[in-house]
């Protein structure tokens, strides 16, 4: 299957999921996860009209960003080590994996030095799996209070990863839980502006995520293919 065929297939599935849940397709942004594909494929993805690129490790992203960083919008979706903040700040417009105070402080420090504001998603471990990073849902209100003074760190959304399920419908409670948490947080008014974005849903389960309110879906294999071993 060609890249264009995969893109068309994803667009059709996104449209169906939006129609099924009464949502506007314009409210869902597809992010192409390119961590397992080559520089050439990333270039083709951007040329095909996909504007949002996601990487999860700076060492893998660096040659791609050096060649193509002037194009598109770049998202960092992996676990971000504090000592790597200096590499990604100012290059990735969105960080999807803020999960601890030390990282928030380093993001603020580096953003302050660069004179910019960094848009972040709080990573929340809705499923409670030991193998996943992220704040526990009950930790999020306190975390938002702790980082309130870090004015260079702008929380625009929440992110979660559901367990891989052979039947995607089984992921629904995870996605619903993130949406409900966002709504609860907005009632508490812990951020200067309401939290709007929900980064959730991947190749196996993005339609369910959209039905539950995802505004950003992170799609790798189903959209861009898979060239290297995971």
Foldseek 3Di string as FASTA:
>chain_A
DDLVVLVVVVLVLLVVLCVVQVHDSVLAAEAEECQQDDLVLVVVCQVVPRQHYEHADCVSCVVSCVVDLVGHAYEHEHADDLVCLLVPPPRHQEYEEDADDSNLVSNLVNCVVVVAAHEYAFEEALVPDPVDGGHHLVCVLVVLLVNQVSVSYAYQYYEYEFDDDPDLVVRLVSLLVRVVSLVVVVVVVSHVDRRQAYEYAEDRHNSSNVSNPHSYYYYYCSNRNGDHDD
